[in-house]
């Protein structure tokens, strides 16, 4: 486990997002970023490529499945693990 792995949490429910980020940090991950929907996730990925994306499926604007497709279509992000 690399504690500096860049993890992007995409979750529209703030309580769930905070809880997930908390547990990831308790597991030793130091670089966890939270965003609230798929559109925000794409903007964040443009700023800084993540090593792992953990996303909710049911979100406003751009849902998890469409986010997954957008990430796979972008050559620079194609190799990012997505959960």
N, C-alpha and C. Protein backbone atom coordinates (compact mmCIF):
# COMPACT_ATOMS: atom_id res chain seq x y z
N UNK A 1 0.84 -1.18 0.00
CA UNK A 1 0.00 0.00 0.00
C UNK A 1 0.88 1.24 0.00
N UNK A 2 0.62 2.11 -0.94
CA UNK A 2 1.34 3.38 -1.02
C UNK A 2 0.47 4.45 -0.36
N UNK A 3 0.91 5.03 0.75
CA UNK A 3 0.08 6.03 1.44
C UNK A 3 -0.14 7.30 0.63
N UNK A 4 0.64 7.49 -0.43
CA UNK A 4 0.51 8.70 -1.25
C UNK A 4 -0.30 8.47 -2.52
N UNK A 5 -0.98 7.32 -2.60
CA UNK A 5 -1.89 7.05 -3.71
C UNK A 5 -2.95 8.13 -3.75
N UNK A 6 -3.18 8.70 -4.93
CA UNK A 6 -4.18 9.77 -5.08
C UNK A 6 -5.54 9.13 -5.34
N UNK A 7 -6.45 9.29 -4.38
CA UNK A 7 -7.78 8.68 -4.46
C UNK A 7 -8.82 9.78 -4.62
N UNK A 8 -9.67 9.61 -5.62
CA UNK A 8 -10.76 10.55 -5.87
C UNK A 8 -12.07 9.87 -5.48
N UNK A 9 -12.76 10.41 -4.48
CA UNK A 9 -14.05 9.91 -4.04
C UNK A 9 -15.13 10.79 -4.66
N UNK A 10 -16.04 10.15 -5.41
CA UNK A 10 -17.11 10.88 -6.10
C UNK A 10 -18.43 10.41 -5.52
N UNK A 11 -19.04 11.25 -4.70
CA UNK A 11 -20.25 10.87 -3.97
C UNK A 11 -21.09 12.11 -3.70
N UNK A 12 -22.37 12.06 -4.07
CA UNK A 12 -23.23 13.24 -3.89
C UNK A 12 -23.78 13.35 -2.46
N UNK A 13 -23.77 12.29 -1.70
CA UNK A 13 -24.22 12.34 -0.31
C UNK A 13 -23.02 12.70 0.57
N UNK A 14 -23.06 13.88 1.16
CA UNK A 14 -21.89 14.37 1.89
C UNK A 14 -21.51 13.48 3.08
N UNK A 15 -22.48 12.90 3.75
CA UNK A 15 -22.19 12.03 4.88
C UNK A 15 -21.43 10.79 4.40
N UNK A 16 -21.90 10.18 3.33
CA UNK A 16 -21.22 9.00 2.79
C UNK A 16 -19.82 9.34 2.30
N UNK A 17 -19.69 10.49 1.67
CA UNK A 17 -18.39 10.93 1.16
C UNK A 17 -17.41 11.13 2.31
N UNK A 18 -17.84 11.83 3.33
CA UNK A 18 -16.97 12.08 4.50
C UNK A 18 -16.58 10.78 5.18
N UNK A 19 -17.54 9.86 5.31
CA UNK A 19 -17.28 8.59 5.96
C UNK A 19 -16.26 7.76 5.16
N UNK A 20 -16.43 7.72 3.85
CA UNK A 20 -15.51 6.97 3.00
C UNK A 20 -14.10 7.58 3.08
N UNK A 21 -14.02 8.89 2.98
CA UNK A 21 -12.72 9.56 3.05
C UNK A 21 -12.07 9.33 4.42
N UNK A 22 -12.87 9.38 5.47
CA UNK A 22 -12.36 9.13 6.82
C UNK A 22 -11.73 7.74 6.92
N UNK A 23 -12.45 6.74 6.43
CA UNK A 23 -11.95 5.36 6.51
C UNK A 23 -10.69 5.18 5.66
N UNK A 24 -10.66 5.80 4.50
CA UNK A 24 -9.45 5.72 3.68
C UNK A 24 -8.26 6.34 4.39
N UNK A 25 -8.49 7.47 5.04
CA UNK A 25 -7.41 8.12 5.78
C UNK A 25 -6.98 7.28 6.98
N UNK A 26 -7.94 6.66 7.65
CA UNK A 26 -7.62 5.79 8.79
C UNK A 26 -6.82 4.56 8.33
N UNK A 27 -7.00 4.16 7.07
CA UNK A 27 -6.24 3.05 6.51
C UNK A 27 -4.83 3.48 6.10
N UNK A 28 -4.55 4.79 6.17
CA UNK A 28 -3.22 5.29 5.90
C UNK A 28 -3.06 6.09 4.63
N UNK A 29 -4.14 6.24 3.86
CA UNK A 29 -4.05 7.03 2.63
C UNK A 29 -4.07 8.51 2.97
N UNK A 30 -3.10 9.24 2.46
CA UNK A 30 -2.95 10.66 2.81
C UNK A 30 -3.48 11.62 1.77
N UNK A 31 -3.76 11.13 0.57
CA UNK A 31 -4.15 12.01 -0.53
C UNK A 31 -5.54 11.62 -1.05
N UNK A 32 -6.58 12.01 -0.32
CA UNK A 32 -7.96 11.69 -0.67
C UNK A 32 -8.69 12.99 -0.99
N UNK A 33 -9.28 13.04 -2.18
CA UNK A 33 -10.04 14.22 -2.61
C UNK A 33 -11.49 13.81 -2.78
N UNK A 34 -12.40 14.65 -2.32
CA UNK A 34 -13.83 14.39 -2.43
C UNK A 34 -14.48 15.39 -3.38
N UNK A 35 -15.34 14.89 -4.27
CA UNK A 35 -16.17 15.74 -5.13
C UNK A 35 -17.58 15.19 -5.12
N UNK A 36 -18.56 16.02 -5.54
CA UNK A 36 -19.96 15.64 -5.34
C UNK A 36 -20.68 15.07 -6.56
N UNK A 37 -20.07 15.13 -7.74
CA UNK A 37 -20.73 14.53 -8.91
C UNK A 37 -19.71 14.26 -10.01
N UNK A 38 -20.17 13.62 -11.08
CA UNK A 38 -19.29 13.24 -12.17
C UNK A 38 -18.66 14.42 -12.89
N UNK A 39 -19.42 15.49 -13.06
CA UNK A 39 -18.86 16.69 -13.70
C UNK A 39 -17.68 17.24 -12.90
N UNK A 40 -17.86 17.30 -11.59
CA UNK A 40 -16.78 17.78 -10.71
C UNK A 40 -15.59 16.84 -10.75
N UNK A 41 -15.87 15.54 -10.88
CA UNK A 41 -14.79 14.55 -10.95
C UNK A 41 -13.94 14.78 -12.20
N UNK A 42 -14.59 15.01 -13.33
CA UNK A 42 -13.84 15.26 -14.57
C UNK A 42 -13.00 16.53 -14.45
N UNK A 43 -13.55 17.56 -13.84
CA UNK A 43 -12.80 18.80 -13.64
C UNK A 43 -11.59 18.55 -12.74
N UNK A 44 -11.79 17.77 -11.68
CA UNK A 44 -10.69 17.46 -10.76
C UNK A 44 -9.60 16.65 -11.46
N UNK A 45 -10.02 15.69 -12.29
CA UNK A 45 -9.05 14.87 -13.02
C UNK A 45 -8.23 15.71 -14.01
N UNK A 46 -8.83 16.76 -14.54
CA UNK A 46 -8.09 17.65 -15.44
C UNK A 46 -7.01 18.41 -14.67
N UNK A 47 -7.28 18.71 -13.40
CA UNK A 47 -6.31 19.42 -12.56
C UNK A 47 -5.20 18.48 -12.09
N UNK A 48 -5.62 17.26 -11.69
CA UNK A 48 -4.67 16.31 -11.13
C UNK A 48 -5.18 14.89 -11.36
N UNK A 49 -4.40 14.11 -12.07
CA UNK A 49 -4.79 12.71 -12.35
C UNK A 49 -4.79 11.92 -11.05
N UNK A 50 -5.83 11.13 -10.86
CA UNK A 50 -5.93 10.27 -9.68
C UNK A 50 -5.35 8.90 -9.99
N UNK A 51 -5.00 8.17 -8.94
CA UNK A 51 -4.53 6.80 -9.08
C UNK A 51 -5.68 5.80 -8.93
N UNK A 52 -6.78 6.27 -8.34
CA UNK A 52 -7.96 5.44 -8.10
C UNK A 52 -9.19 6.35 -8.01
N UNK A 53 -10.28 5.94 -8.65
CA UNK A 53 -11.55 6.66 -8.55
C UNK A 53 -12.56 5.72 -7.90
N UNK A 54 -13.19 6.20 -6.83
CA UNK A 54 -14.27 5.47 -6.17
C UNK A 54 -15.52 6.33 -6.34
N UNK A 55 -16.52 5.81 -7.06
CA UNK A 55 -17.68 6.64 -7.41
C UNK A 55 -19.00 5.97 -7.11
N UNK A 56 -19.95 6.79 -6.71
CA UNK A 56 -21.35 6.39 -6.57
C UNK A 56 -21.92 6.24 -7.99
N UNK A 57 -22.91 5.39 -8.16
CA UNK A 57 -23.54 5.24 -9.47
C UNK A 57 -24.66 6.24 -9.68
N UNK A 58 -25.38 6.56 -8.62
CA UNK A 58 -26.57 7.43 -8.73
C UNK A 58 -26.23 8.84 -8.23
N UNK A 59 -25.92 9.72 -9.19
CA UNK A 59 -25.57 11.10 -8.86
C UNK A 59 -26.23 12.04 -9.87
N UNK A 60 -26.44 13.28 -9.48
CA UNK A 60 -26.97 14.26 -10.44
C UNK A 60 -25.90 14.66 -11.45
N UNK A 61 -26.33 15.31 -12.50
CA UNK A 61 -25.46 15.84 -13.57
C UNK A 61 -24.83 14.74 -14.41
N UNK A 62 -23.85 14.05 -13.90
CA UNK A 62 -23.18 12.98 -14.62
C UNK A 62 -23.09 11.79 -13.67
N UNK A 63 -23.85 10.72 -13.96
CA UNK A 63 -23.89 9.59 -13.03
C UNK A 63 -22.61 8.76 -13.12
N UNK A 64 -22.50 7.77 -12.25
CA UNK A 64 -21.29 6.96 -12.18
C UNK A 64 -20.97 6.21 -13.45
N UNK A 65 -21.97 5.65 -14.11
CA UNK A 65 -21.73 4.91 -15.35
C UNK A 65 -21.21 5.84 -16.44
N UNK A 66 -21.82 7.01 -16.57
CA UNK A 66 -21.35 7.96 -17.58
C UNK A 66 -19.96 8.50 -17.24
N UNK A 67 -19.67 8.66 -15.95
CA UNK A 67 -18.34 9.06 -15.53
C UNK A 67 -17.32 7.98 -15.92
N UNK A 68 -17.65 6.74 -15.66
CA UNK A 68 -16.78 5.62 -16.03
C UNK A 68 -16.48 5.64 -17.53
N UNK A 69 -17.52 5.81 -18.33
CA UNK A 69 -17.35 5.85 -19.79
C UNK A 69 -16.46 7.03 -20.21
N UNK A 70 -16.67 8.19 -19.60
CA UNK A 70 -15.87 9.37 -19.94
C UNK A 70 -14.39 9.16 -19.59
N UNK A 71 -14.15 8.53 -18.45
CA UNK A 71 -12.77 8.27 -18.04
C UNK A 71 -12.11 7.28 -18.99
N UNK A 72 -12.83 6.25 -19.39
CA UNK A 72 -12.27 5.24 -20.29
C UNK A 72 -12.04 5.79 -21.70
N UNK A 73 -12.80 6.79 -22.09
CA UNK A 73 -12.63 7.39 -23.42
C UNK A 73 -11.43 8.32 -23.48
N UNK A 74 -11.03 8.86 -22.36
CA UNK A 74 -9.89 9.78 -22.31
C UNK A 74 -8.60 8.96 -22.18
N UNK A 75 -7.74 9.10 -23.15
CA UNK A 75 -6.52 8.30 -23.20
C UNK A 75 -5.64 8.42 -21.96
N UNK A 76 -5.52 9.61 -21.40
CA UNK A 76 -4.66 9.82 -20.23
C UNK A 76 -5.21 9.17 -18.97
N UNK A 77 -6.51 8.91 -18.96
CA UNK A 77 -7.14 8.37 -17.74
C UNK A 77 -7.54 6.91 -17.89
N UNK A 78 -7.37 6.35 -19.05
CA UNK A 78 -7.88 5.00 -19.36
C UNK A 78 -7.40 3.94 -18.37
N UNK A 79 -6.23 4.12 -17.81
CA UNK A 79 -5.65 3.11 -16.93
C UNK A 79 -6.00 3.30 -15.45
N UNK A 80 -6.78 4.32 -15.12
CA UNK A 80 -7.15 4.58 -13.72
C UNK A 80 -8.13 3.50 -13.25
N UNK A 81 -7.81 2.78 -12.18
CA UNK A 81 -8.78 1.84 -11.62
C UNK A 81 -10.04 2.60 -11.15
N UNK A 82 -11.19 2.00 -11.39
CA UNK A 82 -12.48 2.65 -11.10
C UNK A 82 -13.33 1.67 -10.31
N UNK A 83 -13.85 2.14 -9.20
CA UNK A 83 -14.69 1.28 -8.37
C UNK A 83 -15.97 2.01 -8.02
